[in-house]
Amino acid sequence: MVDIIIGSIQPTGTEAGKPATHDGTVEAEILNVRPPRQSIKRPEGEERRRQFRQDPHNGQVLTLLIPNGMALPKDLDGRRYKVKLRFMKK
């Protein structure tokens, strides 16, 4: 399924009536939810990926869209930051 959007995109940055949050909270949209990666091996037993990663069997992989990328830390890296999620119904 492909979404085709005709028109202009929303401007980046903070909206006129909304100041940027500096308390560490960032709003995101969930784009996709899928099961964790499975081990994929070549016939000779080597891993196809450059870095082997074992995902937990009961885990879920979320793809998130952050509408305002300016709210993210400039030095965002998986080794420097930990993410905590809070889900709210629409």
C-alpha atoms as a PDB file:
ATOM      1  CA  MET A   1       0.000   0.000   0.000  1.00  0.00           C
ATOM      2  CA  VAL A   2       1.329   3.419  -0.960  1.00  0.00           C
ATOM      3  CA  ASP A   3       0.118   6.761   0.358  1.00  0.00           C
ATOM      4  CA  ILE A   4       0.200   9.521  -2.242  1.00  0.00           C
ATOM      5  CA  ILE A   5       0.011  13.005  -0.756  1.00  0.00           C
ATOM      6  CA  ILE A   6      -0.583  15.951  -3.078  1.00  0.00           C
ATOM      7  CA  GLY A   7       0.230  19.401  -1.775  1.00  0.00           C
ATOM      8  CA  SER A   8       2.905  20.980   0.326  1.00  0.00           C
ATOM      9  CA  ILE A   9       4.515  19.630   3.450  1.00  0.00           C
ATOM     10  CA  GLN A  10       4.157  21.301   6.814  1.00  0.00           C
ATOM     11  CA  PRO A  11       6.956  23.730   7.611  1.00  0.00           C
ATOM     12  CA  THR A  12       9.703  22.411   9.868  1.00  0.00           C
ATOM     13  CA  GLY A  13      10.492  24.003  13.178  1.00  0.00           C
ATOM     14  CA  THR A  14       8.185  25.074  15.951  1.00  0.00           C
ATOM     15  CA  GLU A  15       4.591  25.968  15.224  1.00  0.00           C
ATOM     16  CA  ALA A  16       3.490  29.555  15.805  1.00  0.00           C
ATOM     17  CA  GLY A  17       1.396  28.953  18.925  1.00  0.00           C
ATOM     18  CA  LYS A  18       3.431  26.066  20.353  1.00  0.00           C
ATOM     19  CA  PRO A  19       6.788  26.657  21.994  1.00  0.00           C
ATOM     20  CA  ALA A  20       9.400  23.912  21.669  1.00  0.00           C
ATOM     21  CA  THR A  21       9.468  21.577  24.656  1.00  0.00           C
ATOM     22  CA  HIS A  22      12.748  21.459  26.523  1.00  0.00           C
ATOM     23  CA  ASP A  23      11.679  18.873  29.089  1.00  0.00           C
ATOM     24  CA  GLY A  24      12.820  15.923  26.959  1.00  0.00           C
ATOM     25  CA  THR A  25       9.388  14.924  25.660  1.00  0.00           C
ATOM     26  CA  VAL A  26       8.963  14.581  21.905  1.00  0.00           C
ATOM     27  CA  GLU A  27       5.707  13.731  20.156  1.00  0.00           C
ATOM     28  CA  ALA A  28       5.886  10.995  17.503  1.00  0.00           C
ATOM     29  CA  GLU A  29       3.615   9.146  15.100  1.00  0.00           C
ATOM     30  CA  ILE A  30       3.769   5.344  14.873  1.00  0.00           C
ATOM     31  CA  LEU A  31       4.340   4.352  11.251  1.00  0.00           C
ATOM     32  CA  ASN A  32       4.828   0.603  11.594  1.00  0.00           C
ATOM     33  CA  VAL A  33       4.915  -2.188  14.178  1.00  0.00           C
ATOM     34  CA  ARG A  34       6.593  -5.481  13.297  1.00  0.00           C
ATOM     35  CA  PRO A  35       7.994  -8.554  15.041  1.00  0.00           C
ATOM     36  CA  PRO A  36      11.698  -8.701  15.947  1.00  0.00           C
ATOM     37  CA  ARG A  37      14.401  -9.751  13.485  1.00  0.00           C
ATOM     38  CA  GLN A  38      14.957 -13.435  13.025  1.00  0.00           C
ATOM     39  CA  SER A  39      18.381 -14.974  12.616  1.00  0.00           C
ATOM     40  CA  ILE A  40      19.103 -15.216   8.882  1.00  0.00           C
ATOM     41  CA  LYS A  41      22.086 -17.355   8.035  1.00  0.00           C
ATOM     42  CA  ARG A  42      23.877 -18.139   4.805  1.00  0.00           C
ATOM     43  CA  PRO A  43      24.332 -21.750   3.772  1.00  0.00           C
ATOM     44  CA  GLU A  44      27.912 -21.698   5.073  1.00  0.00           C
ATOM     45  CA  GLY A  45      26.661 -20.440   8.464  1.00  0.00           C
ATOM     46  CA  GLU A  46      27.757 -16.795   8.277  1.00  0.00           C
ATOM     47  CA  GLU A  47      25.479 -13.928   9.297  1.00  0.00           C
ATOM     48  CA  ARG A  48      24.414 -11.656   6.398  1.00  0.00           C
ATOM     49  CA  ARG A  49      24.390  -8.512   8.504  1.00  0.00           C
ATOM     50  CA  ARG A  50      27.608  -6.714   9.318  1.00  0.00           C
ATOM     51  CA  GLN A  51      26.739  -6.542  13.017  1.00  0.00           C
ATOM     52  CA  PHE A  52      24.964  -9.487  14.593  1.00  0.00           C
ATOM     53  CA  ARG A  53      22.133  -8.413  16.867  1.00  0.00           C
ATOM     54  CA  GLN A  54      19.921 -10.709  18.873  1.00  0.00           C
ATOM     55  CA  ASP A  55      16.472  -9.195  19.355  1.00  0.00           C
ATOM     56  CA  PRO A  56      14.363 -10.465  22.258  1.00  0.00           C
ATOM     57  CA  HIS A  57      11.790 -13.061  21.188  1.00  0.00           C
ATOM     58  CA  ASN A  58       8.917 -11.147  22.810  1.00  0.00           C
ATOM     59  CA  GLY A  59      10.044  -7.749  21.457  1.00  0.00           C
ATOM     60  CA  GLN A  60       8.375  -5.485  18.897  1.00  0.00           C
ATOM     61  CA  VAL A  61      10.077  -3.109  16.461  1.00  0.00           C
ATOM     62  CA  LEU A  62       8.423   0.317  16.130  1.00  0.00           C
ATOM     63  CA  THR A  63       9.037   2.747  13.280  1.00  0.00           C
ATOM     64  CA  LEU A  64       8.386   6.283  14.514  1.00  0.00           C
ATOM     65  CA  LEU A  65       8.046   9.611  12.700  1.00  0.00           C
ATOM     66  CA  ILE A  66       9.112  12.704  14.632  1.00  0.00           C
ATOM     67  CA  PRO A  67       7.324  15.640  12.929  1.00  0.00           C
ATOM     68  CA  ASN A  68       9.628  18.236  14.479  1.00  0.00           C
ATOM     69  CA  GLY A  69      13.182  16.936  14.136  1.00  0.00           C
ATOM     70  CA  MET A  70      14.502  20.124  15.727  1.00  0.00           C
ATOM     71  CA  ALA A  71      13.200  18.849  19.085  1.00  0.00           C
ATOM     72  CA  LEU A  72      15.691  15.952  19.005  1.00  0.00           C
ATOM     73  CA  PRO A  73      19.136  16.302  20.596  1.00  0.00           C
ATOM     74  CA  LYS A  74      21.841  17.330  18.138  1.00  0.00           C
ATOM     75  CA  ASP A  75      24.140  14.510  19.308  1.00  0.00           C
ATOM     76  CA  LEU A  76      21.466  11.782  19.139  1.00  0.00           C
ATOM     77  CA  ASP A  77      23.111   8.359  19.230  1.00  0.00           C
ATOM     78  CA  GLY A  78      22.026   4.963  20.528  1.00  0.00           C
ATOM     79  CA  ARG A  79      25.099   4.774  22.755  1.00  0.00           C
ATOM     80  CA  ARG A  80      24.473   8.124  24.444  1.00  0.00           C
ATOM     81  CA  TYR A  81      20.708   8.124  24.911  1.00  0.00           C
ATOM     82  CA  LYS A  82      18.015   5.830  26.215  1.00  0.00           C
ATOM     83  CA  VAL A  83      14.419   6.234  25.024  1.00  0.00           C
ATOM     84  CA  LYS A  84      11.386   5.834  27.280  1.00  0.00           C
ATOM     85  CA  LEU A  85       7.953   5.663  25.635  1.00  0.00           C
ATOM     86  CA  ARG A  86       4.586   6.689  26.994  1.00  0.00           C
ATOM     87  CA  PHE A  87       1.533   5.718  24.972  1.00  0.00           C
ATOM     88  CA  MET A  88      -1.647   7.821  24.979  1.00  0.00           C
ATOM     89  CA  LYS A  89      -4.829   7.045  23.060  1.00  0.00           C
ATOM     90  CA  LYS A  90      -5.913   9.626  20.484  1.00  0.00           C
END
